[in-house]
PDB file of N, CA and C in Angstrom:
ATOM      1  N   MET A   1      81.711  94.124 106.912  1.00  0.00           N
ATOM      2  CA  MET A   1      82.241  93.913 105.981  1.00  0.00           C
ATOM      3  C   MET A   1      83.480  92.850 106.162  1.00  0.00           C
ATOM      4  N   PHE A   2      83.951  93.245 106.928  1.00  0.00           N
ATOM      5  CA  PHE A   2      85.263  91.942 107.673  1.00  0.00           C
ATOM      6  C   PHE A   2      84.613  90.874 107.855  1.00  0.00           C
ATOM      7  N   LEU A   3      83.578  90.473 108.107  1.00  0.00           N
ATOM      8  CA  LEU A   3      83.000  89.143 108.458  1.00  0.00           C
ATOM      9  C   LEU A   3      82.852  88.534 106.895  1.00  0.00           C
ATOM     10  N   ASP A   4      82.317  89.449 105.806  1.00  0.00           N
ATOM     11  CA  ASP A   4      82.143  88.488 104.773  1.00  0.00           C
ATOM     12  C   ASP A   4      83.630  88.312 103.915  1.00  0.00           C
ATOM     13  N   GLN A   5      84.528  89.172 104.343  1.00  0.00           N
ATOM     14  CA  GLN A   5      86.238  89.015 103.756  1.00  0.00           C
ATOM     15  C   GLN A   5      86.598  87.576 104.312  1.00  0.00           C
ATOM     16  N   ARG A   6      85.991  87.182 105.640  1.00  0.00           N
ATOM     17  CA  ARG A   6      86.577  85.927 106.266  1.00  0.00           C
ATOM     18  C   ARG A   6      85.985  84.701 105.720  1.00  0.00           C
ATOM     19  N   ILE A   7      84.435  85.029 105.474  1.00  0.00           N
ATOM     20  CA  ILE A   7      83.664  83.728 104.700  1.00  0.00           C
ATOM     21  C   ILE A   7      84.342  83.730 103.362  1.00  0.00           C
ATOM     22  N   GLN A   8      84.566  84.819 102.621  1.00  0.00           N
ATOM     23  CA  GLN A   8      85.131  84.391 101.347  1.00  0.00           C
ATOM     24  C   GLN A   8      86.479  83.848 101.275  1.00  0.00           C
ATOM     25  N   ARG A   9      87.189  84.188 102.180  1.00  0.00           N
ATOM     26  CA  ARG A   9      88.585  83.442 102.488  1.00  0.00           C
ATOM     27  C   ARG A   9      88.534  82.089 102.681  1.00  0.00           C
ATOM     28  N   ARG A  10      87.811  81.453 103.510  1.00  0.00           N
ATOM     29  CA  ARG A  10      87.309  80.485 103.820  1.00  0.00           C
ATOM     30  C   ARG A  10      86.352  79.539 102.921  1.00  0.00           C
ATOM     31  N   ARG A  11      85.792  80.288 101.976  1.00  0.00           N
ATOM     32  CA  ARG A  11      85.288  79.471 101.043  1.00  0.00           C
ATOM     33  C   ARG A  11      86.362  79.148  99.766  1.00  0.00           C
ATOM     34  N   LYS A  12      87.247  80.300  99.682  1.00  0.00           N
ATOM     35  CA  LYS A  12      88.229  79.846  98.554  1.00  0.00           C
ATOM     36  C   LYS A  12      89.362  78.975  98.920  1.00  0.00           C
ATOM     37  N   VAL A  13      89.467  78.834 100.506  1.00  0.00           N
ATOM     38  CA  VAL A  13      90.654  77.692 100.868  1.00  0.00           C
ATOM     39  C   VAL A  13      89.504  76.447 100.740  1.00  0.00           C
ATOM     40  N   ARG A  14      88.561  76.097 101.045  1.00  0.00           N
ATOM     41  CA  ARG A  14      87.728  75.118 100.857  1.00  0.00           C
ATOM     42  C   ARG A  14      87.907  74.546  99.473  1.00  0.00           C
ATOM     43  N   ASP A  15      87.773  75.483  98.745  1.00  0.00           N
ATOM     44  CA  ASP A  15      87.547  75.161  97.165  1.00  0.00           C
ATOM     45  C   ASP A  15      88.629  74.764  96.722  1.00  0.00           C
ATOM     46  N   ARG A  16      89.649  75.199  97.430  1.00  0.00           N
ATOM     47  CA  ARG A  16      91.232  74.751  96.807  1.00  0.00           C
ATOM     48  C   ARG A  16      91.476  73.475  97.371  1.00  0.00           C
ATOM     49  N   LEU A  17      91.132  73.227  98.514  1.00  0.00           N
ATOM     50  CA  LEU A  17      91.292  71.968  99.110  1.00  0.00           C
ATOM     51  C   LEU A  17      90.508  70.844  98.483  1.00  0.00           C
ATOM     52  N   LEU A  18      89.152  71.036  98.057  1.00  0.00           N
ATOM     53  CA  LEU A  18      88.354  70.213  97.548  1.00  0.00           C
ATOM     54  C   LEU A  18      88.883  69.635  96.014  1.00  0.00           C
ATOM     55  N   MET A  19      89.339  70.836  95.309  1.00  0.00           N
ATOM     56  CA  MET A  19      90.021  70.696  94.114  1.00  0.00           C
ATOM     57  C   MET A  19      91.273  69.513  94.130  1.00  0.00           C
ATOM     58  N   LEU A  20      92.216  70.055  95.250  1.00  0.00           N
ATOM     59  CA  LEU A  20      93.363  69.263  95.374  1.00  0.00           C
ATOM     60  C   LEU A  20      92.996  67.679  95.804  1.00  0.00           C
ATOM     61  N   ALA A  21      92.066  67.582  96.795  1.00  0.00           N
ATOM     62  CA  ALA A  21      91.309  66.113  96.816  1.00  0.00           C
ATOM     63  C   ALA A  21      91.019  65.401  95.649  1.00  0.00           C
ATOM     64  N   ALA A  22      90.403  66.238  94.725  1.00  0.00           N
ATOM     65  CA  ALA A  22      89.831  65.822  93.656  1.00  0.00           C
ATOM     66  C   ALA A  22      90.813  65.419  92.775  1.00  0.00           C
ATOM     67  N   LEU A  23      92.026  66.216  92.664  1.00  0.00           N
ATOM     68  CA  LEU A  23      93.205  65.960  91.747  1.00  0.00           C
ATOM     69  C   LEU A  23      93.853  64.500  92.515  1.00  0.00           C
ATOM     70  N   VAL A  24      93.947  64.579  93.580  1.00  0.00           N
ATOM     71  CA  VAL A  24      94.680  63.449  94.228  1.00  0.00           C
ATOM     72  C   VAL A  24      93.899  61.946  93.635  1.00  0.00           C
ATOM     73  N   VAL A  25      92.205  62.163  93.726  1.00  0.00           N
ATOM     74  CA  VAL A  25      91.418  60.777  93.736  1.00  0.00           C
ATOM     75  C   VAL A  25      91.710  60.462  92.271  1.00  0.00           C
ATOM     76  N   ALA A  26      91.821  61.453  91.520  1.00  0.00           N
ATOM     77  CA  ALA A  26      91.829  61.064  89.974  1.00  0.00           C
ATOM     78  C   ALA A  26      93.088  60.833  89.497  1.00  0.00           C
ATOM     79  N   ALA A  27      94.520  61.169  90.325  1.00  0.00           N
ATOM     80  CA  ALA A  27      95.539  60.749  89.821  1.00  0.00           C
ATOM     81  C   ALA A  27      95.774  59.096  90.602  1.00  0.00           C
ATOM     82  N   ALA A  28      94.927  58.853  91.436  1.00  0.00           N
ATOM     83  CA  ALA A  28      95.277  57.730  91.998  1.00  0.00           C
ATOM     84  C   ALA A  28      94.234  56.424  91.248  1.00  0.00           C
ATOM     85  N   MET A  29      92.815  57.074  90.638  1.00  0.00           N
ATOM     86  CA  MET A  29      92.526  56.213  89.913  1.00  0.00           C
ATOM     87  C   MET A  29      92.806  56.222  88.409  1.00  0.00           C
ATOM     88  N   GLY A  30      93.789  57.161  88.044  1.00  0.00           N
ATOM     89  CA  GLY A  30      94.355  56.812  86.743  1.00  0.00           C
ATOM     90  C   GLY A  30      95.529  55.562  86.818  1.00  0.00           C
ATOM     91  N   ALA A  31      96.494  55.637  88.098  1.00  0.00           N
ATOM     92  CA  ALA A  31      97.227  54.864  88.041  1.00  0.00           C
ATOM     93  C   ALA A  31      96.775  53.596  88.554  1.00  0.00           C
ATOM     94  N   ALA A  32      95.768  53.230  88.877  1.00  0.00           N
ATOM     95  CA  ALA A  32      95.081  51.990  89.501  1.00  0.00           C
ATOM     96  C   ALA A  32      94.387  51.529  87.943  1.00  0.00           C
ATOM     97  N   VAL A  33      94.097  52.061  86.985  1.00  0.00           N
ATOM     98  CA  VAL A  33      93.630  51.824  85.711  1.00  0.00           C
ATOM     99  C   VAL A  33      94.898  51.477  85.035  1.00  0.00           C
ATOM    100  N   PHE A  34      96.005  52.151  84.985  1.00  0.00           N
ATOM    101  CA  PHE A  34      97.032  52.075  83.948  1.00  0.00           C
ATOM    102  C   PHE A  34      97.750  50.375  84.987  1.00  0.00           C
ATOM    103  N   ALA A  35      97.680  50.389  85.860  1.00  0.00           N
ATOM    104  CA  ALA A  35      98.192  49.335  86.519  1.00  0.00           C
ATOM    105  C   ALA A  35      97.436  48.054  86.289  1.00  0.00           C
ATOM    106  N   PHE A  36      96.218  47.955  85.851  1.00  0.00           N
ATOM    107  CA  PHE A  36      95.378  47.076  85.541  1.00  0.00           C
ATOM    108  C   PHE A  36      95.582  46.967  83.996  1.00  0.00           C
ATOM    109  N   VAL A  37      95.289  47.966  83.465  1.00  0.00           N
ATOM    110  CA  VAL A  37      95.505  47.538  82.082  1.00  0.00           C
ATOM    111  C   VAL A  37      96.743  46.860  81.585  1.00  0.00           C
ATOM    112  N   SER A  38      97.979  47.488  82.252  1.00  0.00           N
ATOM    113  CA  SER A  38      99.324  47.106  81.871  1.00  0.00           C
ATOM    114  C   SER A  38      99.865  45.682  82.500  1.00  0.00           C
ATOM    115  N   ASP A  39      99.238  45.589  83.275  1.00  0.00           N
ATOM    116  CA  ASP A  39      99.165  44.122  83.924  1.00  0.00           C
ATOM    117  C   ASP A  39     100.752  43.566  84.510  1.00  0.00           C
ATOM    118  N   GLY A  40     101.889  44.725  84.093  1.00  0.00           N
ATOM    119  CA  GLY A  40     102.917  44.374  83.945  1.00  0.00           C
ATOM    120  C   GLY A  40     103.405  43.387  82.906  1.00  0.00           C
ATOM    121  N   SER A  41     103.085  43.599  81.939  1.00  0.00           N
ATOM    122  CA  SER A  41     103.685  42.613  80.924  1.00  0.00           C
ATOM    123  C   SER A  41     103.946  43.819  79.634  1.00  0.00           C
ATOM    124  N   ASP A  42     105.126  43.247  78.970  1.00  0.00           N
ATOM    125  CA  ASP A  42     105.584  44.370  77.979  1.00  0.00           C
ATOM    126  C   ASP A  42     105.288  43.498  76.394  1.00  0.00           C
ATOM    127  N   GLY A  43     104.212  42.668  76.696  1.00  0.00           N
ATOM    128  CA  GLY A  43     103.975  42.186  75.099  1.00  0.00           C
ATOM    129  C   GLY A  43     104.798  40.703  74.749  1.00  0.00           C
ATOM    130  N   LYS A  44     105.942  40.749  75.686  1.00  0.00           N
ATOM    131  CA  LYS A  44     106.560  39.321  75.277  1.00  0.00           C
ATOM    132  C   LYS A  44     106.241  37.836  76.157  1.00  0.00           C
ATOM    133  N   GLN A  45     106.471  36.861  75.435  1.00  0.00           N
ATOM    134  CA  GLN A  45     105.972  35.818  76.128  1.00  0.00           C
ATOM    135  C   GLN A  45     107.011  35.595  77.313  1.00  0.00           C
ATOM    136  N   SER A  46     106.743  34.813  78.561  1.00  0.00           N
ATOM    137  CA  SER A  46     107.327  34.644  79.598  1.00  0.00           C
ATOM    138  C   SER A  46     108.394  33.652  79.087  1.00  0.00           C
ATOM    139  N   GLY A  47     109.372  33.958  79.367  1.00  0.00           N
ATOM    140  CA  GLY A  47     110.796  32.936  79.166  1.00  0.00           C
ATOM    141  C   GLY A  47     111.598  33.166  77.628  1.00  0.00           C
ATOM    142  N   GLU A  48     110.709  34.488  77.089  1.00  0.00           N
ATOM    143  CA  GLU A  48     111.394  34.660  75.520  1.00  0.00           C
ATOM    144  C   GLU A  48     112.050  35.895  75.849  1.00  0.00           C
ATOM    145  N   GLY A  49     112.896  36.368  74.995  1.00  0.00           N
ATOM    146  CA  GLY A  49     113.587  37.635  74.993  1.00  0.00           C
ATOM    147  C   GLY A  49     115.172  37.340  74.951  1.00  0.00           C
ATOM    148  N   ASP A  50     115.885  38.005  74.830  1.00  0.00           N
ATOM    149  CA  ASP A  50     117.349  37.870  74.898  1.00  0.00           C
ATOM    150  C   ASP A  50     118.075  38.069  76.299  1.00  0.00           C
ATOM    151  N   HIS A  51     117.416  37.884  77.590  1.00  0.00           N
ATOM    152  CA  HIS A  51     117.987  37.869  78.794  1.00  0.00           C
ATOM    153  C   HIS A  51     118.913  36.347  78.843  1.00  0.00           C
ATOM    154  N   LYS A  52     120.025  36.670  79.377  1.00  0.00           N
ATOM    155  CA  LYS A  52     120.847  35.878  79.619  1.00  0.00           C
ATOM    156  C   LYS A  52     121.396  35.828  80.846  1.00  0.00           C
ATOM    157  N   PRO A  53     121.546  34.549  81.846  1.00  0.00           N
ATOM    158  CA  PRO A  53     121.890  35.043  83.223  1.00  0.00           C
ATOM    159  C   PRO A  53     123.220  34.843  83.097  1.00  0.00           C
ATOM    160  N   SER A  54     123.370  35.506  84.367  1.00  0.00           N
ATOM    161  CA  SER A  54     124.888  35.866  84.634  1.00  0.00           C
ATOM    162  C   SER A  54     125.674  34.841  85.040  1.00  0.00           C
ATOM    163  N   PRO A  55     127.006  34.630  84.722  1.00  0.00           N
ATOM    164  CA  PRO A  55     127.717  33.613  85.347  1.00  0.00           C
ATOM    165  C   PRO A  55     127.464  33.173  86.701  1.00  0.00           C
ATOM    166  N   ALA A  56     127.650  34.503  87.688  1.00  0.00           N
ATOM    167  CA  ALA A  56     127.306  34.418  89.274  1.00  0.00           C
ATOM    168  C   ALA A  56     125.827  33.676  89.357  1.00  0.00           C
ATOM    169  N   ALA A  57     125.235  33.818  88.414  1.00  0.00           N
ATOM    170  CA  ALA A  57     123.619  32.800  88.900  1.00  0.00           C
ATOM    171  C   ALA A  57     123.760  31.904  88.894  1.00  0.00           C
ATOM    172  N   ALA A  58     124.729  31.145  88.132  1.00  0.00           N
ATOM    173  CA  ALA A  58     125.081  29.554  88.021  1.00  0.00           C
ATOM    174  C   ALA A  58     125.528  28.916  89.175  1.00  0.00           C
ATOM    175  N   LYS A  59     126.375  29.895  89.944  1.00  0.00           N
ATOM    176  CA  LYS A  59     127.222  29.417  91.047  1.00  0.00           C
ATOM    177  C   LYS A  59     126.256  28.701  92.167  1.00  0.00           C
ATOM    178  N   SER A  60     126.600  28.130  92.617  1.00  0.00           N
ATOM    179  CA  SER A  60     125.982  27.625  94.072  1.00  0.00           C
ATOM    180  C   SER A  60     125.586  28.862  94.975  1.00  0.00           C
ATOM    181  N   ALA A  61     124.525  28.557  95.495  1.00  0.00           N
ATOM    182  CA  ALA A  61     124.383  29.653  96.914  1.00  0.00           C
ATOM    183  C   ALA A  61     124.913  29.385  97.961  1.00  0.00           C
ATOM    184  N   GLY A  62     125.425  27.778  98.084  1.00  0.00           N
ATOM    185  CA  GLY A  62     125.516  27.455  99.627  1.00  0.00           C
ATOM    186  C   GLY A  62     127.054  28.013  99.746  1.00  0.00           C
ATOM    187  N   PRO A  63     127.509  27.610 101.170  1.00  0.00           N
ATOM    188  CA  PRO A  63     128.681  28.134 101.696  1.00  0.00           C
ATOM    189  C   PRO A  63     129.835  27.370 100.641  1.00  0.00           C
ATOM    190  N   ALA A  64     131.072  28.063 100.821  1.00  0.00           N
ATOM    191  CA  ALA A  64     132.113  27.566 100.002  1.00  0.00           C
ATOM    192  C   ALA A  64     132.843  26.580 100.823  1.00  0.00           C
ATOM    193  N   THR A  65     133.038  26.780 101.927  1.00  0.00           N
ATOM    194  CA  THR A  65     133.792  25.651 103.069  1.00  0.00           C
ATOM    195  C   THR A  65     133.030  25.549 104.223  1.00  0.00           C
ATOM    196  N   GLY A  66     133.201  24.562 104.873  1.00  0.00           N
ATOM    197  CA  GLY A  66     132.730  24.317 106.301  1.00  0.00           C
ATOM    198  C   GLY A  66     131.588  23.557 106.018  1.00  0.00           C
ATOM    199  N   PHE A  67     130.914  23.378 107.233  1.00  0.00           N
ATOM    200  CA  PHE A  67     129.447  22.601 107.259  1.00  0.00           C
ATOM    201  C   PHE A  67     128.681  23.565 107.998  1.00  0.00           C
ATOM    202  N   THR A  68     127.325  23.617 107.622  1.00  0.00           N
ATOM    203  CA  THR A  68     126.288  24.031 108.416  1.00  0.00           C
ATOM    204  C   THR A  68     125.420  23.433 109.359  1.00  0.00           C
ATOM    205  N   LYS A  69     124.870  23.588 110.042  1.00  0.00           N
ATOM    206  CA  LYS A  69     123.688  22.931 110.399  1.00  0.00           C
ATOM    207  C   LYS A  69     122.349  23.351 109.909  1.00  0.00           C
ATOM    208  N   PRO A  70     121.622  22.496 109.648  1.00  0.00           N
ATOM    209  CA  PRO A  70     119.972  22.950 108.952  1.00  0.00           C
ATOM    210  C   PRO A  70     119.080  23.658 109.908  1.00  0.00           C
ATOM    211  N   THR A  71     118.546  24.592 109.550  1.00  0.00           N
ATOM    212  CA  THR A  71     117.629  25.011 110.757  1.00  0.00           C
ATOM    213  C   THR A  71     116.190  24.259 110.741  1.00  0.00           C
ATOM    214  N   VAL A  72     116.000  24.083 111.993  1.00  0.00           N
ATOM    215  CA  VAL A  72     114.958  23.111 112.681  1.00  0.00           C
ATOM    216  C   VAL A  72     113.777  24.220 112.589  1.00  0.00           C
ATOM    217  N   LEU A  73     112.872  23.999 111.677  1.00  0.00           N
ATOM    218  CA  LEU A  73     111.599  24.953 112.268  1.00  0.00           C
ATOM    219  C   LEU A  73     110.702  24.403 113.157  1.00  0.00           C
ATOM    220  N   PRO A  74     110.293  25.163 114.059  1.00  0.00           N
ATOM    221  CA  PRO A  74     109.242  24.807 115.097  1.00  0.00           C
ATOM    222  C   PRO A  74     108.115  24.413 114.621  1.00  0.00           C
ATOM    223  N   THR A  75     107.363  23.557 115.380  1.00  0.00           N
ATOM    224  CA  THR A  75     106.142  23.029 115.194  1.00  0.00           C
ATOM    225  C   THR A  75     105.019  23.769 115.862  1.00  0.00           C
ATOM    226  N   PRO A  76     103.779  23.666 115.102  1.00  0.00           N
ATOM    227  CA  PRO A  76     102.890  24.646 115.810  1.00  0.00           C
ATOM    228  C   PRO A  76     102.426  24.206 117.075  1.00  0.00           C
ATOM    229  N   ARG A  77     101.837  24.862 118.075  1.00  0.00           N
ATOM    230  CA  ARG A  77     101.268  24.582 119.351  1.00  0.00           C
ATOM    231  C   ARG A  77      99.993  23.721 118.946  1.00  0.00           C
ATOM    232  N   ASP A  78      98.991  24.114 118.470  1.00  0.00           N
ATOM    233  CA  ASP A  78      97.784  23.604 118.312  1.00  0.00           C
ATOM    234  C   ASP A  78      97.536  23.610 116.691  1.00  0.00           C
ATOM    235  N   ILE A  79      96.012  22.753 116.657  1.00  0.00           N
ATOM    236  CA  ILE A  79      95.377  23.017 115.129  1.00  0.00           C
ATOM    237  C   ILE A  79      94.039  23.358 115.184  1.00  0.00           C
ATOM    238  N   GLU A  80      93.615  24.449 114.710  1.00  0.00           N
ATOM    239  CA  GLU A  80      92.342  24.679 115.098  1.00  0.00           C
ATOM    240  C   GLU A  80      91.634  24.831 113.355  1.00  0.00           C
ATOM    241  N   ASP A  81      90.514  23.867 113.332  1.00  0.00           N
ATOM    242  CA  ASP A  81      89.906  23.572 111.851  1.00  0.00           C
ATOM    243  C   ASP A  81      90.866  23.292 110.773  1.00  0.00           C
ATOM    244  N   GLY A  82      91.537  22.365 111.278  1.00  0.00           N
ATOM    245  CA  GLY A  82      92.738  21.811 110.007  1.00  0.00           C
ATOM    246  C   GLY A  82      93.714  22.684 110.080  1.00  0.00           C
ATOM    247  N   VAL A  83      93.945  23.947 110.431  1.00  0.00           N
ATOM    248  CA  VAL A  83      95.099  25.009 110.195  1.00  0.00           C
ATOM    249  C   VAL A  83      96.043  25.025 111.418  1.00  0.00           C
ATOM    250  N   PRO A  84      96.916  24.780 111.048  1.00  0.00           N
ATOM    251  CA  PRO A  84      98.059  24.915 112.450  1.00  0.00           C
ATOM    252  C   PRO A  84      98.206  25.931 113.171  1.00  0.00           C
ATOM    253  N   VAL A  85      98.298  26.591 114.253  1.00  0.00           N
ATOM    254  CA  VAL A  85      98.127  27.582 115.001  1.00  0.00           C
ATOM    255  C   VAL A  85      99.185  27.509 115.970  1.00  0.00           C
ATOM    256  N   GLY A  86      99.841  28.833 116.655  1.00  0.00           N
ATOM    257  CA  GLY A  86     100.474  28.942 117.937  1.00  0.00           C
ATOM    258  C   GLY A  86     101.838  28.742 117.373  1.00  0.00           C
ATOM    259  N   TYR A  87     102.243  29.144 116.728  1.00  0.00           N
ATOM    260  CA  TYR A  87     103.865  29.489 116.144  1.00  0.00           C
ATOM    261  C   TYR A  87     104.341  30.447 117.154  1.00  0.00           C
ATOM    262  N   PRO A  88     105.622  30.241 117.453  1.00  0.00           N
ATOM    263  CA  PRO A  88     106.627  31.193 117.930  1.00  0.00           C
ATOM    264  C   PRO A  88     106.382  32.577 117.269  1.00  0.00           C
ATOM    265  N   HIS A  89     106.856  33.797 117.782  1.00  0.00           N
ATOM    266  CA  HIS A  89     106.900  35.069 117.324  1.00  0.00           C
ATOM    267  C   HIS A  89     108.500  35.183 116.863  1.00  0.00           C
ATOM    268  N   THR A  90     108.686  34.490 115.870  1.00  0.00           N
ATOM    269  CA  THR A  90     110.284  34.791 115.659  1.00  0.00           C
ATOM    270  C   THR A  90     110.641  34.469 114.090  1.00  0.00           C
ATOM    271  N   PRO A  91     111.441  34.493 113.775  1.00  0.00           N
ATOM    272  CA  PRO A  91     111.697  34.404 112.123  1.00  0.00           C
ATOM    273  C   PRO A  91     111.443  32.982 111.817  1.00  0.00           C
ATOM    274  N   GLU A  92     111.986  32.458 112.696  1.00  0.00           N
ATOM    275  CA  GLU A  92     111.741  30.814 112.172  1.00  0.00           C
ATOM    276  C   GLU A  92     110.331  30.417 112.326  1.00  0.00           C
ATOM    277  N   GLY A  93     109.644  30.930 113.255  1.00  0.00           N
ATOM    278  CA  GLY A  93     108.243  30.393 113.651  1.00  0.00           C
ATOM    279  C   GLY A  93     107.319  31.050 112.305  1.00  0.00           C
ATOM    280  N   ALA A  94     107.681  32.357 111.669  1.00  0.00           N
ATOM    281  CA  ALA A  94     107.209  32.615 110.646  1.00  0.00           C
ATOM    282  C   ALA A  94     107.327  31.887 109.219  1.00  0.00           C
ATOM    283  N   VAL A  95     108.433  31.366 108.883  1.00  0.00           N
ATOM    284  CA  VAL A  95     109.002  30.486 107.960  1.00  0.00           C
ATOM    285  C   VAL A  95     107.913  29.646 108.115  1.00  0.00           C
ATOM    286  N   ALA A  96     108.013  28.739 109.486  1.00  0.00           N
ATOM    287  CA  ALA A  96     107.308  27.611 109.736  1.00  0.00           C
ATOM    288  C   ALA A  96     105.937  27.746 109.213  1.00  0.00           C
ATOM    289  N   ALA A  97     105.359  28.716 109.657  1.00  0.00           N
ATOM    290  CA  ALA A  97     103.957  29.192 109.451  1.00  0.00           C
ATOM    291  C   ALA A  97     103.820  29.415 108.158  1.00  0.00           C
ATOM    292  N   ILE A  98     104.496  29.936 107.346  1.00  0.00           N
ATOM    293  CA  ILE A  98     103.919  30.209 106.237  1.00  0.00           C
ATOM    294  C   ILE A  98     104.028  28.814 105.269  1.00  0.00           C
ATOM    295  N   ALA A  99     105.093  28.003 105.576  1.00  0.00           N
ATOM    296  CA  ALA A  99     105.396  26.678 105.067  1.00  0.00           C
ATOM    297  C   ALA A  99     104.129  25.429 105.169  1.00  0.00           C
ATOM    298  N   HIS A 100     103.863  25.633 106.403  1.00  0.00           N
ATOM    299  CA  HIS A 100     102.710  25.003 106.783  1.00  0.00           C
ATOM    300  C   HIS A 100     101.282  25.338 106.327  1.00  0.00           C
ATOM    301  N   PHE A 101     100.908  26.623 106.090  1.00  0.00           N
ATOM    302  CA  PHE A 101     100.048  27.129 105.662  1.00  0.00           C
ATOM    303  C   PHE A 101      99.877  26.835 104.116  1.00  0.00           C
ATOM    304  N   ASN A 102     101.092  26.996 103.483  1.00  0.00           N
ATOM    305  CA  ASN A 102     100.909  26.855 101.849  1.00  0.00           C
ATOM    306  C   ASN A 102     100.690  25.146 101.649  1.00  0.00           C
ATOM    307  N   ASP A 103     101.126  24.384 102.628  1.00  0.00           N
ATOM    308  CA  ASP A 103     100.940  22.990 102.437  1.00  0.00           C
ATOM    309  C   ASP A 103      99.609  22.627 102.698  1.00  0.00           C
ATOM    310  N   VAL A 104      98.671  23.625 103.720  1.00  0.00           N
ATOM    311  CA  VAL A 104      97.472  23.198 103.885  1.00  0.00           C
ATOM    312  C   VAL A 104      96.549  23.589 102.561  1.00  0.00           C
ATOM    313  N   LEU A 105      96.926  24.936 102.102  1.00  0.00           N
ATOM    314  CA  LEU A 105      96.192  25.468 101.020  1.00  0.00           C
ATOM    315  C   LEU A 105      96.349  24.403  99.637  1.00  0.00           C
ATOM    316  N   ASP A 106      97.448  23.885  99.458  1.00  0.00           N
ATOM    317  CA  ASP A 106      97.779  23.161  98.339  1.00  0.00           C
ATOM    318  C   ASP A 106      97.072  21.614  98.177  1.00  0.00           C
ATOM    319  N   ARG A 107      96.376  21.444  99.233  1.00  0.00           N
ATOM    320  CA  ARG A 107      95.632  20.083  99.233  1.00  0.00           C
ATOM    321  C   ARG A 107      94.496  20.413  98.623  1.00  0.00           C
TER     322      ARG A 107
END
């Protein structure tokens, strides 16, 4: 009799876990369908509406005073199949890589 109780308890736990997993999958699918259907638009055309830029947005993003040196982006180490490779693993290398990759893809 003790063995039967353990088997029933395990079945109950397994059933609850399966129901929880099914609920999570259904929620994820619902969110995916909603994201696909809504497509992030609210029915307005792009550029229309009553959005007005703030005065701070009209100001220059550059420094107010002084002189700054431009950042010199590193060059690739090699070119494989027309794609530049071998950038240093730094923020400047990442920026240079994406800039060159975009240049290659735009052609």
